[in-house]
Amino acid sequence: MLLARLTALITGLGLCALAQAAPTRYPLTVENCGSTLTFQHAPARTVTIGQAGTEMLYALGLGDKVVGTSLWFNDVLPRYKAQNDRIERLAANEPSFEAVIGKRPELVAVELEWMVGPQGAVGTREQFHELKIPTYLMPSDCEAKDNLVGADGTRLAPFRIDSLYKSVSQLAEIFDVQERGRQLNEELKASLARSVATAQNKRLKDTSALVWFSSSSIETDPFVAGHKGIPDFLLSTLGVRNVVQSDEEWPTVGWETIAKANPTFLVIARMDRRRFPADDVQKKLEFLRSDPVARNMDAVKNNRIIILDAMAMQASLRMFDGLEQLASAIDGYELPK
């Protein structure tokens, strides 16, 4: 099955390479997460709420169009550090509505609907649109997802990788860099194909994993990846089963329940933010190796613990790097027969 998927991906890449992206024709109308956005020209000033959108714009060569950023989990990728250092960070987490509009943006690019949405921590889309400021919400966080149920929303259907390619294509079209968008999507698909190829001969059909993002405190139930979200996509792409069955994006699950499931691998998030104590990956590792329940899991006893950047667990460009790291790490383990 994995080989068939790999073949399909490579075939798709070949077909994409035959086409050249056309330049944008303005006025441009884009349908985005229930809103119709119209652009008379490419935005000259953009504020990003979410690291995923920020680094996506950098990858599209649009760093000079970004005038403010916010909501960061990891440090910026080294190749973007110089340009990122020149851009004001409005907040490490959510910025105020006033801080965003104070930058006079012609576009606000939003990673998560709970930041800008019906109950937005920053504001609603209507508040921005009343000021003639379009808000682009990444489709990966709105399509087939109810963000009013659960702390981080609930998936109504499994995450689809096409929604991330769609973000790249739509942002490229909005800014009239469609050829760069096409090239970037080809690079991402090639990266995914490499990861699948790494895992295809590993016989992973009987393996399982838990993905631990963080915890409000080390002692409380952890925030773990639900079975329809982005981390579940990473696991299932490689043929690994997620032991969590909740449809919530990041439900809390007790360690007794996790230990009973006894996952083959533990995947834990490394982040540079410090909103919760368990944001510190070293504190996660210390807990796993000292807690009387967690330390008896096979994954802990056999050191099958894989560390990924938090942004690799989000719908972002880093997700593809994370998938390659995950495939490489799993490939290096001797698995139980």
C-alpha atoms as a PDB file:
ATOM      1  CA  MET A   1       0.000   0.000   0.000  1.00  0.00           C
ATOM      2  CA  LEU A   2       2.835   2.403   0.905  1.00  0.00           C
ATOM      3  CA  LEU A   3       4.611   1.604  -2.369  1.00  0.00           C
ATOM      4  CA  ALA A   4       1.432   2.365  -4.312  1.00  0.00           C
ATOM      5  CA  ARG A   5       1.108   5.709  -2.556  1.00  0.00           C
ATOM      6  CA  LEU A   6       4.722   6.527  -3.327  1.00  0.00           C
ATOM      7  CA  THR A   7       4.240   5.693  -7.002  1.00  0.00           C
ATOM      8  CA  ALA A   8       1.147   7.892  -7.160  1.00  0.00           C
ATOM      9  CA  LEU A   9       3.014  10.781  -5.554  1.00  0.00           C
ATOM     10  CA  ILE A  10       5.927  10.533  -7.990  1.00  0.00           C
ATOM     11  CA  THR A  11       3.528  10.341 -10.938  1.00  0.00           C
ATOM     12  CA  GLY A  12       1.741  13.416  -9.644  1.00  0.00           C
ATOM     13  CA  LEU A  13       5.007  15.284  -9.386  1.00  0.00           C
ATOM     14  CA  GLY A  14       5.821  14.480 -12.984  1.00  0.00           C
ATOM     15  CA  LEU A  15       2.488  15.795 -14.204  1.00  0.00           C
ATOM     16  CA  CYS A  16       2.835  18.972 -12.133  1.00  0.00           C
ATOM     17  CA  ALA A  17       6.240  19.671 -13.632  1.00  0.00           C
ATOM     18  CA  LEU A  18       4.710  19.896 -17.108  1.00  0.00           C
ATOM     19  CA  ALA A  19       2.609  22.929 -16.214  1.00  0.00           C
ATOM     20  CA  GLN A  20       3.834  26.475 -15.611  1.00  0.00           C
ATOM     21  CA  ALA A  21       1.849  28.592 -13.184  1.00  0.00           C
ATOM     22  CA  ALA A  22       0.145  31.625 -14.718  1.00  0.00           C
ATOM     23  CA  PRO A  23       0.478  35.096 -13.190  1.00  0.00           C
ATOM     24  CA  THR A  24      -2.346  36.366 -10.978  1.00  0.00           C
ATOM     25  CA  ARG A  25      -5.080  38.450 -12.555  1.00  0.00           C
ATOM     26  CA  TYR A  26      -6.547  41.122 -10.300  1.00  0.00           C
ATOM     27  CA  PRO A  27      -9.076  41.737  -8.933  1.00  0.00           C
ATOM     28  CA  LEU A  28      -8.694  38.276  -7.400  1.00  0.00           C
ATOM     29  CA  THR A  29     -11.462  36.558  -5.449  1.00  0.00           C
ATOM     30  CA  VAL A  30     -10.577  33.738  -3.064  1.00  0.00           C
ATOM     31  CA  GLU A  31     -13.016  31.567  -1.123  1.00  0.00           C
ATOM     32  CA  ASN A  32     -11.524  30.929   2.291  1.00  0.00           C
ATOM     33  CA  CYS A  33     -13.140  29.089   5.198  1.00  0.00           C
ATOM     34  CA  GLY A  34     -16.599  30.528   4.622  1.00  0.00           C
ATOM     35  CA  SER A  35     -15.446  34.032   3.667  1.00  0.00           C
ATOM     36  CA  THR A  36     -15.041  35.592   0.232  1.00  0.00           C
ATOM     37  CA  LEU A  37     -11.856  37.641  -0.015  1.00  0.00           C
ATOM     38  CA  THR A  38     -11.195  40.103  -2.833  1.00  0.00           C
ATOM     39  CA  PHE A  39      -7.785  41.574  -3.614  1.00  0.00           C
ATOM     40  CA  GLN A  40      -7.288  44.492  -5.986  1.00  0.00           C
ATOM     41  CA  HIS A  41      -3.521  43.960  -5.879  1.00  0.00           C
ATOM     42  CA  ALA A  42      -0.923  41.901  -4.037  1.00  0.00           C
ATOM     43  CA  PRO A  43      -0.842  42.877  -0.340  1.00  0.00           C
ATOM     44  CA  ALA A  44       2.137  45.056   0.521  1.00  0.00           C
ATOM     45  CA  ARG A  45       1.784  44.713   4.305  1.00  0.00           C
ATOM     46  CA  THR A  46       0.931  41.453   6.062  1.00  0.00           C
ATOM     47  CA  VAL A  47       0.615  40.475   9.714  1.00  0.00           C
ATOM     48  CA  THR A  48       0.854  36.783  10.562  1.00  0.00           C
ATOM     49  CA  ILE A  49      -0.821  35.150  13.561  1.00  0.00           C
ATOM     50  CA  GLY A  50       0.871  31.784  13.627  1.00  0.00           C
ATOM     51  CA  GLN A  51       4.366  30.533  12.871  1.00  0.00           C
ATOM     52  CA  ALA A  52       3.146  28.189  10.126  1.00  0.00           C
ATOM     53  CA  GLY A  53       1.879  31.022   7.937  1.00  0.00           C
ATOM     54  CA  THR A  54       4.927  33.149   8.689  1.00  0.00           C
ATOM     55  CA  GLU A  55       7.420  30.545   7.527  1.00  0.00           C
ATOM     56  CA  MET A  56       5.220  29.695   4.547  1.00  0.00           C
ATOM     57  CA  LEU A  57       5.413  33.316   3.389  1.00  0.00           C
ATOM     58  CA  TYR A  58       9.175  33.294   3.940  1.00  0.00           C
ATOM     59  CA  ALA A  59       9.456  30.125   1.829  1.00  0.00           C
ATOM     60  CA  LEU A  60       7.507  31.877  -0.926  1.00  0.00           C
ATOM     61  CA  GLY A  61      10.028  34.717  -0.897  1.00  0.00           C
ATOM     62  CA  LEU A  62       7.602  37.165   0.701  1.00  0.00           C
ATOM     63  CA  GLY A  63       9.435  38.102   3.877  1.00  0.00           C
ATOM     64  CA  ASP A  64       9.569  41.742   2.781  1.00  0.00           C
ATOM     65  CA  LYS A  65       5.757  41.809   2.828  1.00  0.00           C
ATOM     66  CA  VAL A  66       5.517  40.752   6.502  1.00  0.00           C
ATOM     67  CA  VAL A  67       5.367  43.666   8.978  1.00  0.00           C
ATOM     68  CA  GLY A  68       4.490  41.793  12.170  1.00  0.00           C
ATOM     69  CA  THR A  69       4.355  38.208  13.465  1.00  0.00           C
ATOM     70  CA  SER A  70       2.975  36.366  16.507  1.00  0.00           C
ATOM     71  CA  LEU A  71       2.174  32.930  17.970  1.00  0.00           C
ATOM     72  CA  TRP A  72       5.475  31.034  17.927  1.00  0.00           C
ATOM     73  CA  PHE A  73       6.202  27.536  19.275  1.00  0.00           C
ATOM     74  CA  ASN A  74       9.765  27.092  17.998  1.00  0.00           C
ATOM     75  CA  ASP A  75      12.551  29.443  16.994  1.00  0.00           C
ATOM     76  CA  VAL A  76      12.445  30.428  13.340  1.00  0.00           C
ATOM     77  CA  LEU A  77      14.215  28.129  10.897  1.00  0.00           C
ATOM     78  CA  PRO A  78      17.884  29.182  10.584  1.00  0.00           C
ATOM     79  CA  ARG A  79      17.579  29.981   6.880  1.00  0.00           C
ATOM     80  CA  TYR A  80      14.948  32.637   7.679  1.00  0.00           C
ATOM     81  CA  LYS A  81      16.551  34.109  10.799  1.00  0.00           C
ATOM     82  CA  ALA A  82      18.100  37.175   9.168  1.00  0.00           C
ATOM     83  CA  GLN A  83      14.844  38.378   7.638  1.00  0.00           C
ATOM     84  CA  ASN A  84      12.790  37.356  10.671  1.00  0.00           C
ATOM     85  CA  ASP A  85      15.039  39.429  12.964  1.00  0.00           C
ATOM     86  CA  ARG A  86      13.996  42.537  11.015  1.00  0.00           C
ATOM     87  CA  ILE A  87      10.281  41.930  11.587  1.00  0.00           C
ATOM     88  CA  GLU A  88       8.489  42.992  14.753  1.00  0.00           C
ATOM     89  CA  ARG A  89       7.149  40.162  16.895  1.00  0.00           C
ATOM     90  CA  LEU A  90       3.847  41.490  18.216  1.00  0.00           C
ATOM     91  CA  ALA A  91       3.478  38.693  20.781  1.00  0.00           C
ATOM     92  CA  ALA A  92       4.900  35.273  21.550  1.00  0.00           C
ATOM     93  CA  ASN A  93       1.342  33.948  21.772  1.00  0.00           C
ATOM     94  CA  GLU A  94      -1.791  35.885  20.783  1.00  0.00           C
ATOM     95  CA  PRO A  95      -1.403  39.597  19.972  1.00  0.00           C
ATOM     96  CA  SER A  96      -4.034  42.183  20.784  1.00  0.00           C
ATOM     97  CA  PHE A  97      -6.471  43.295  18.090  1.00  0.00           C
ATOM     98  CA  GLU A  98      -5.066  46.813  18.413  1.00  0.00           C
ATOM     99  CA  ALA A  99      -1.487  45.621  17.896  1.00  0.00           C
ATOM    100  CA  VAL A 100      -2.457  43.866  14.665  1.00  0.00           C
ATOM    101  CA  ILE A 101      -4.444  46.694  13.089  1.00  0.00           C
ATOM    102  CA  GLY A 102      -1.795  49.170  14.269  1.00  0.00           C
ATOM    103  CA  LYS A 103       0.542  47.688  11.654  1.00  0.00           C
ATOM    104  CA  ARG A 104      -1.944  48.766   8.926  1.00  0.00           C
ATOM    105  CA  PRO A 105      -1.998  45.326   7.266  1.00  0.00           C
ATOM    106  CA  GLU A 106      -3.548  44.640   3.880  1.00  0.00           C
ATOM    107  CA  LEU A 107      -3.786  40.971   4.900  1.00  0.00           C
ATOM    108  CA  VAL A 108      -3.805  39.057   8.186  1.00  0.00           C
ATOM    109  CA  ALA A 109      -2.695  35.437   7.713  1.00  0.00           C
ATOM    110  CA  VAL A 110      -4.029  33.199  10.490  1.00  0.00           C
ATOM    111  CA  GLU A 111      -2.909  29.678  11.397  1.00  0.00           C
ATOM    112  CA  LEU A 112      -5.617  28.763  13.941  1.00  0.00           C
ATOM    113  CA  GLU A 113      -9.294  29.725  13.986  1.00  0.00           C
ATOM    114  CA  TRP A 114      -9.349  30.079  17.757  1.00  0.00           C
ATOM    115  CA  MET A 115      -7.116  33.118  17.219  1.00  0.00           C
ATOM    116  CA  VAL A 116      -9.332  34.813  14.606  1.00  0.00           C
ATOM    117  CA  GLY A 117     -12.789  33.295  14.364  1.00  0.00           C
ATOM    118  CA  PRO A 118     -16.224  33.193  16.012  1.00  0.00           C
ATOM    119  CA  GLN A 119     -14.634  33.204  19.476  1.00  0.00           C
ATOM    120  CA  GLY A 120     -11.231  34.514  18.436  1.00  0.00           C
ATOM    121  CA  ALA A 121      -8.676  35.307  21.127  1.00  0.00           C
ATOM    122  CA  VAL A 122      -7.476  38.181  18.912  1.00  0.00           C
ATOM    123  CA  GLY A 123     -10.795  39.071  17.301  1.00  0.00           C
ATOM    124  CA  THR A 124     -13.421  37.887  14.850  1.00  0.00           C
ATOM    125  CA  ARG A 125     -13.030  37.892  11.107  1.00  0.00           C
ATOM    126  CA  GLU A 126     -15.943  40.340  10.942  1.00  0.00           C
ATOM    127  CA  GLN A 127     -14.041  42.844  13.093  1.00  0.00           C
ATOM    128  CA  PHE A 128     -11.142  42.807  10.673  1.00  0.00           C
ATOM    129  CA  HIS A 129     -13.315  42.778   7.561  1.00  0.00           C
ATOM    130  CA  GLU A 130     -15.279  45.805   8.803  1.00  0.00           C
ATOM    131  CA  LEU A 131     -11.954  47.660   8.646  1.00  0.00           C
ATOM    132  CA  LYS A 132     -11.379  46.353   5.088  1.00  0.00           C
ATOM    133  CA  ILE A 133      -8.607  44.043   6.306  1.00  0.00           C
ATOM    134  CA  PRO A 134      -8.978  40.562   4.767  1.00  0.00           C
ATOM    135  CA  THR A 135      -8.114  37.583   6.982  1.00  0.00           C
ATOM    136  CA  TYR A 136      -6.771  34.416   5.394  1.00  0.00           C
ATOM    137  CA  LEU A 137      -7.341  31.371   7.609  1.00  0.00           C
ATOM    138  CA  MET A 138      -5.314  28.270   6.787  1.00  0.00           C
ATOM    139  CA  PRO A 139      -7.785  25.691   5.386  1.00  0.00           C
ATOM    140  CA  SER A 140      -6.141  22.928   7.427  1.00  0.00           C
ATOM    141  CA  ASP A 141      -7.728  24.409  10.548  1.00  0.00           C
ATOM    142  CA  CYS A 142     -11.222  25.026   9.209  1.00  0.00           C
ATOM    143  CA  GLU A 143     -12.055  22.357   6.642  1.00  0.00           C
ATOM    144  CA  ALA A 144     -13.913  19.378   8.167  1.00  0.00           C
ATOM    145  CA  LYS A 145     -13.270  20.756  11.650  1.00  0.00           C
ATOM    146  CA  ASP A 146     -15.486  22.246  14.378  1.00  0.00           C
ATOM    147  CA  ASN A 147     -13.417  24.713  16.375  1.00  0.00           C
ATOM    148  CA  LEU A 148     -16.241  25.395  18.829  1.00  0.00           C
ATOM    149  CA  VAL A 149     -16.052  21.880  20.302  1.00  0.00           C
ATOM    150  CA  GLY A 150     -13.071  20.967  22.484  1.00  0.00           C
ATOM    151  CA  ALA A 151     -10.247  23.208  23.651  1.00  0.00           C
ATOM    152  CA  ASP A 152      -8.470  23.093  20.267  1.00  0.00           C
ATOM    153  CA  GLY A 153     -11.383  22.011  18.081  1.00  0.00           C
ATOM    154  CA  THR A 154     -12.672  18.648  16.919  1.00  0.00           C
ATOM    155  CA  ARG A 155     -11.965  16.988  13.586  1.00  0.00           C
ATOM    156  CA  LEU A 156     -15.054  15.925  11.639  1.00  0.00           C
ATOM    157  CA  ALA A 157     -12.873  14.069   9.116  1.00  0.00           C
ATOM    158  CA  PRO A 158      -9.185  13.189   8.996  1.00  0.00           C
ATOM    159  CA  PHE A 159      -6.732  15.963   8.135  1.00  0.00           C
ATOM    160  CA  ARG A 160      -5.995  16.049   4.414  1.00  0.00           C
ATOM    161  CA  ILE A 161      -2.542  17.039   3.194  1.00  0.00           C
ATOM    162  CA  ASP A 162      -4.193  18.732   0.206  1.00  0.00           C
ATOM    163  CA  SER A 163      -5.384  21.464   2.569  1.00  0.00           C
ATOM    164  CA  LEU A 164      -1.774  22.479   3.224  1.00  0.00           C
ATOM    165  CA  TYR A 165      -0.876  22.454  -0.471  1.00  0.00           C
ATOM    166  CA  LYS A 166      -3.983  24.599  -0.935  1.00  0.00           C
ATOM    167  CA  SER A 167      -2.623  27.207   1.496  1.00  0.00           C
ATOM    168  CA  VAL A 168       0.636  27.393  -0.442  1.00  0.00           C
ATOM    169  CA  SER A 169      -1.190  27.742  -3.761  1.00  0.00           C
ATOM    170  CA  GLN A 170      -3.691  30.329  -2.530  1.00  0.00           C
ATOM    171  CA  LEU A 171      -1.128  32.511  -0.783  1.00  0.00           C
ATOM    172  CA  ALA A 172       1.077  32.310  -3.876  1.00  0.00           C
ATOM    173  CA  GLU A 173      -1.875  33.416  -5.998  1.00  0.00           C
ATOM    174  CA  ILE A 174      -2.797  36.274  -3.643  1.00  0.00           C
ATOM    175  CA  PHE A 175       0.777  37.619  -3.818  1.00  0.00           C
ATOM    176  CA  ASP A 176       1.300  36.842  -7.530  1.00  0.00           C
ATOM    177  CA  VAL A 177       4.138  34.365  -6.990  1.00  0.00           C
ATOM    178  CA  GLN A 178       2.336  31.351  -8.385  1.00  0.00           C
ATOM    179  CA  GLU A 179       5.373  29.755  -9.989  1.00  0.00           C
ATOM    180  CA  ARG A 180       7.187  29.782  -6.658  1.00  0.00           C
ATOM    181  CA  GLY A 181       4.097  28.259  -5.054  1.00  0.00           C
ATOM    182  CA  ARG A 182       4.074  25.461  -7.610  1.00  0.00           C
ATOM    183  CA  GLN A 183       7.761  24.763  -7.014  1.00  0.00           C
ATOM    184  CA  LEU A 184       7.310  24.757  -3.237  1.00  0.00           C
ATOM    185  CA  ASN A 185       4.457  22.253  -3.430  1.00  0.00           C
ATOM    186  CA  GLU A 186       6.574  19.990  -5.624  1.00  0.00           C
ATOM    187  CA  GLU A 187       9.367  20.127  -3.040  1.00  0.00           C
ATOM    188  CA  LEU A 188       6.920  19.245  -0.260  1.00  0.00           C
ATOM    189  CA  LYS A 189       5.478  16.305  -2.178  1.00  0.00           C
ATOM    190  CA  ALA A 190       8.954  15.004  -2.929  1.00  0.00           C
ATOM    191  CA  SER A 191       9.819  15.203   0.772  1.00  0.00           C
ATOM    192  CA  LEU A 192       6.681  13.239   1.667  1.00  0.00           C
ATOM    193  CA  ALA A 193       7.559  10.600  -0.924  1.00  0.00           C
ATOM    194  CA  ARG A 194      11.042  10.182   0.578  1.00  0.00           C
ATOM    195  CA  SER A 195       9.548   9.598   4.013  1.00  0.00           C
ATOM    196  CA  VAL A 196       7.153   6.971   2.706  1.00  0.00           C
ATOM    197  CA  ALA A 197      10.040   5.239   0.930  1.00  0.00           C
ATOM    198  CA  THR A 198      12.070   5.145   4.160  1.00  0.00           C
ATOM    199  CA  ALA A 199       9.266   3.407   6.049  1.00  0.00           C
ATOM    200  CA  GLN A 200       7.870   1.096   3.387  1.00  0.00           C
ATOM    201  CA  ASN A 201       9.983  -1.966   4.258  1.00  0.00           C
ATOM    202  CA  LYS A 202       9.837  -1.606   8.040  1.00  0.00           C
ATOM    203  CA  ARG A 203       6.714  -3.777   8.631  1.00  0.00           C
ATOM    204  CA  LEU A 204       4.966  -1.243  10.830  1.00  0.00           C
ATOM    205  CA  LYS A 205       1.407  -2.583  10.587  1.00  0.00           C
ATOM    206  CA  ASP A 206       1.471  -3.860  14.195  1.00  0.00           C
ATOM    207  CA  THR A 207       3.123  -0.764  15.672  1.00  0.00           C
ATOM    208  CA  SER A 208       1.479   2.114  17.521  1.00  0.00           C
ATOM    209  CA  ALA A 209       2.405   5.501  18.939  1.00  0.00           C
ATOM    210  CA  LEU A 210       1.330   8.269  21.261  1.00  0.00           C
ATOM    211  CA  VAL A 211       2.101  11.924  20.475  1.00  0.00           C
ATOM    212  CA  TRP A 212       2.534  14.126  23.582  1.00  0.00           C
ATOM    213  CA  PHE A 213       2.394  17.862  22.909  1.00  0.00           C
ATOM    214  CA  SER A 214       2.392  19.384  26.401  1.00  0.00           C
ATOM    215  CA  SER A 215       0.561  19.413  29.747  1.00  0.00           C
ATOM    216  CA  SER A 216      -0.848  22.208  31.917  1.00  0.00           C
ATOM    217  CA  SER A 217       1.441  20.776  34.615  1.00  0.00           C
ATOM    218  CA  ILE A 218       3.725  17.747  34.643  1.00  0.00           C
ATOM    219  CA  GLU A 219       1.448  15.924  37.078  1.00  0.00           C
ATOM    220  CA  THR A 220      -1.790  16.371  35.105  1.00  0.00           C
ATOM    221  CA  ASP A 221      -3.117  14.414  32.125  1.00  0.00           C
ATOM    222  CA  PRO A 222      -1.145  15.280  28.981  1.00  0.00           C
ATOM    223  CA  PHE A 223      -2.382  16.991  25.829  1.00  0.00           C
ATOM    224  CA  VAL A 224      -2.000  14.289  23.183  1.00  0.00           C
ATOM    225  CA  ALA A 225      -2.761  14.047  19.483  1.00  0.00           C
ATOM    226  CA  GLY A 226      -6.262  12.983  18.467  1.00  0.00           C
ATOM    227  CA  HIS A 227      -6.741  10.360  15.802  1.00  0.00           C
ATOM    228  CA  LYS A 228      -7.809  12.641  12.933  1.00  0.00           C
ATOM    229  CA  GLY A 229      -5.335  15.502  13.279  1.00  0.00           C
ATOM    230  CA  ILE A 230      -1.943  16.365  11.832  1.00  0.00           C
ATOM    231  CA  PRO A 231       0.208  14.043  14.012  1.00  0.00           C
ATOM    232  CA  ASP A 232      -2.170  11.184  13.227  1.00  0.00           C
ATOM    233  CA  PHE A 233      -1.578  11.919   9.534  1.00  0.00           C
ATOM    234  CA  LEU A 234       2.180  11.641  10.112  1.00  0.00           C
ATOM    235  CA  LEU A 235       1.780   8.298  11.857  1.00  0.00           C
ATOM    236  CA  SER A 236      -0.713   6.788   9.421  1.00  0.00           C
ATOM    237  CA  THR A 237       1.352   7.914   6.424  1.00  0.00           C
ATOM    238  CA  LEU A 238       4.157   5.710   7.740  1.00  0.00           C
ATOM    239  CA  GLY A 239       1.812   2.881   8.706  1.00  0.00           C
ATOM    240  CA  VAL A 240       1.808   3.451  12.487  1.00  0.00           C
ATOM    241  CA  ARG A 241      -1.438   3.415  14.526  1.00  0.00           C
ATOM    242  CA  ASN A 242      -2.293   6.253  16.907  1.00  0.00           C
ATOM    243  CA  VAL A 243      -3.428   4.772  20.267  1.00  0.00           C
ATOM    244  CA  VAL A 244      -5.692   7.798  20.917  1.00  0.00           C
ATOM    245  CA  GLN A 245      -9.191   7.530  19.448  1.00  0.00           C
ATOM    246  CA  SER A 246     -10.625  10.945  20.338  1.00  0.00           C
ATOM    247  CA  ASP A 247     -11.719  13.256  17.502  1.00  0.00           C
ATOM    248  CA  GLU A 248     -10.506  16.283  19.458  1.00  0.00           C
ATOM    249  CA  GLU A 249      -7.383  17.907  18.079  1.00  0.00           C
ATOM    250  CA  TRP A 250      -5.446  17.731  21.381  1.00  0.00           C
ATOM    251  CA  PRO A 251      -7.500  15.845  24.001  1.00  0.00           C
ATOM    252  CA  THR A 252      -6.221  15.098  27.505  1.00  0.00           C
ATOM    253  CA  VAL A 253      -5.729  11.406  28.278  1.00  0.00           C
ATOM    254  CA  GLY A 254      -4.601   9.876  31.588  1.00  0.00           C
ATOM    255  CA  TRP A 255      -1.272   8.062  31.864  1.00  0.00           C
ATOM    256  CA  GLU A 256      -2.980   4.914  33.157  1.00  0.00           C
ATOM    257  CA  THR A 257      -4.993   4.748  29.935  1.00  0.00           C
ATOM    258  CA  ILE A 258      -1.879   5.420  27.853  1.00  0.00           C
ATOM    259  CA  ALA A 259       0.123   2.778  29.714  1.00  0.00           C
ATOM    260  CA  LYS A 260      -2.633   0.241  29.147  1.00  0.00           C
ATOM    261  CA  ALA A 261      -2.448   0.935  25.392  1.00  0.00           C
ATOM    262  CA  ASN A 262       1.357   0.489  25.664  1.00  0.00           C
ATOM    263  CA  PRO A 263       2.374   2.261  22.420  1.00  0.00           C
ATOM    264  CA  THR A 264       5.419   1.071  20.532  1.00  0.00           C
ATOM    265  CA  PHE A 265       6.731   4.638  20.215  1.00  0.00           C
ATOM    266  CA  LEU A 266       6.342   7.858  22.179  1.00  0.00           C
ATOM    267  CA  VAL A 267       6.646  11.036  20.106  1.00  0.00           C
ATOM    268  CA  ILE A 268       7.130  14.160  22.201  1.00  0.00           C
ATOM    269  CA  ALA A 269       7.157  17.826  21.249  1.00  0.00           C
ATOM    270  CA  ARG A 270      10.145  20.102  21.666  1.00  0.00           C
ATOM    271  CA  MET A 271       9.284  23.785  21.800  1.00  0.00           C
ATOM    272  CA  ASP A 272      10.926  27.062  22.688  1.00  0.00           C
ATOM    273  CA  ARG A 273       7.833  28.654  24.201  1.00  0.00           C
ATOM    274  CA  ARG A 274       7.282  28.229  27.965  1.00  0.00           C
ATOM    275  CA  ARG A 275       3.537  28.618  28.445  1.00  0.00           C
ATOM    276  CA  PHE A 276       3.294  25.350  30.415  1.00  0.00           C
ATOM    277  CA  PRO A 277       5.985  23.519  32.423  1.00  0.00           C
ATOM    278  CA  ALA A 278       5.720  20.513  30.105  1.00  0.00           C
ATOM    279  CA  ASP A 279       6.662  22.702  27.135  1.00  0.00           C
ATOM    280  CA  ASP A 280      10.218  21.861  28.248  1.00  0.00           C
ATOM    281  CA  VAL A 281      11.165  18.610  26.519  1.00  0.00           C
ATOM    282  CA  GLN A 282      13.666  17.751  29.281  1.00  0.00           C
ATOM    283  CA  LYS A 283      10.869  17.871  31.850  1.00  0.00           C
ATOM    284  CA  LYS A 284       8.864  15.503  29.664  1.00  0.00           C
ATOM    285  CA  LEU A 285      11.767  13.064  29.511  1.00  0.00           C
ATOM    286  CA  GLU A 286      12.366  13.275  33.269  1.00  0.00           C
ATOM    287  CA  PHE A 287       8.701  12.534  33.903  1.00  0.00           C
ATOM    288  CA  LEU A 288       8.613   9.541  31.565  1.00  0.00           C
ATOM    289  CA  ARG A 289      11.653   7.986  33.224  1.00  0.00           C
ATOM    290  CA  SER A 290      10.562   8.610  36.822  1.00  0.00           C
ATOM    291  CA  ASP A 291       6.770   8.325  36.946  1.00  0.00           C
ATOM    292  CA  PRO A 292       5.784   4.877  38.314  1.00  0.00           C
ATOM    293  CA  VAL A 293       3.194   4.381  35.554  1.00  0.00           C
ATOM    294  CA  ALA A 294       4.931   5.927  32.541  1.00  0.00           C
ATOM    295  CA  ARG A 295       8.358   4.390  33.163  1.00  0.00           C
ATOM    296  CA  ASN A 296       6.978   0.857  32.802  1.00  0.00           C
ATOM    297  CA  MET A 297       5.769   1.352  29.236  1.00  0.00           C
ATOM    298  CA  ASP A 298       7.722  -0.609  26.633  1.00  0.00           C
ATOM    299  CA  ALA A 299       8.521   2.591  24.693  1.00  0.00           C
ATOM    300  CA  VAL A 300      10.186   4.110  27.762  1.00  0.00           C
ATOM    301  CA  LYS A 301      12.020   0.959  28.854  1.00  0.00           C
ATOM    302  CA  ASN A 302      13.380   0.456  25.324  1.00  0.00           C
ATOM    303  CA  ASN A 303      14.027   4.187  24.749  1.00  0.00           C
ATOM    304  CA  ARG A 304      11.704   4.329  21.738  1.00  0.00           C
ATOM    305  CA  ILE A 305      11.113   8.033  22.378  1.00  0.00           C
ATOM    306  CA  ILE A 306      11.211  10.354  19.358  1.00  0.00           C
ATOM    307  CA  ILE A 307      11.552  14.132  19.765  1.00  0.00           C
ATOM    308  CA  LEU A 308      10.031  16.407  17.123  1.00  0.00           C
ATOM    309  CA  ASP A 309       9.668  20.186  16.990  1.00  0.00           C
ATOM    310  CA  ALA A 310       6.183  21.292  17.985  1.00  0.00           C
ATOM    311  CA  MET A 311       5.759  22.947  14.582  1.00  0.00           C
ATOM    312  CA  ALA A 312       6.270  19.550  12.937  1.00  0.00           C
ATOM    313  CA  MET A 313       2.993  18.589  14.637  1.00  0.00           C
ATOM    314  CA  GLN A 314       1.123  21.501  13.037  1.00  0.00           C
ATOM    315  CA  ALA A 315      -0.056  22.010   9.462  1.00  0.00           C
ATOM    316  CA  SER A 316       3.155  23.714   8.424  1.00  0.00           C
ATOM    317  CA  LEU A 317       6.159  23.335   6.164  1.00  0.00           C
ATOM    318  CA  ARG A 318       8.002  21.868   9.147  1.00  0.00           C
ATOM    319  CA  MET A 319       5.552  18.991   9.131  1.00  0.00           C
ATOM    320  CA  PHE A 320       7.417  17.532   6.137  1.00  0.00           C
ATOM    321  CA  ASP A 321      10.783  17.777   7.906  1.00  0.00           C
ATOM    322  CA  GLY A 322       9.128  16.172  10.927  1.00  0.00           C
ATOM    323  CA  LEU A 323       7.808  13.325   8.820  1.00  0.00           C
ATOM    324  CA  GLU A 324      11.295  12.643   7.466  1.00  0.00           C
ATOM    325  CA  GLN A 325      12.741  12.736  11.003  1.00  0.00           C
ATOM    326  CA  LEU A 326      10.010  10.424  12.257  1.00  0.00           C
ATOM    327  CA  ALA A 327      10.546   7.944   9.418  1.00  0.00           C
ATOM    328  CA  SER A 328      14.318   8.001   9.942  1.00  0.00           C
ATOM    329  CA  ALA A 329      14.004   7.511  13.712  1.00  0.00           C
ATOM    330  CA  ILE A 330      11.569   4.613  13.359  1.00  0.00           C
ATOM    331  CA  ASP A 331      13.773   3.029  10.713  1.00  0.00           C
ATOM    332  CA  GLY A 332      16.633   2.990  13.212  1.00  0.00           C
ATOM    333  CA  TYR A 333      14.810   0.945  15.844  1.00  0.00           C
ATOM    334  CA  GLU A 334      14.894  -2.813  16.245  1.00  0.00           C
ATOM    335  CA  LEU A 335      11.215  -3.585  16.697  1.00  0.00           C
ATOM    336  CA  PRO A 336       9.736  -6.457  18.723  1.00  0.00           C
ATOM    337  CA  LYS A 337       8.832  -9.499  16.635  1.00  0.00           C
END
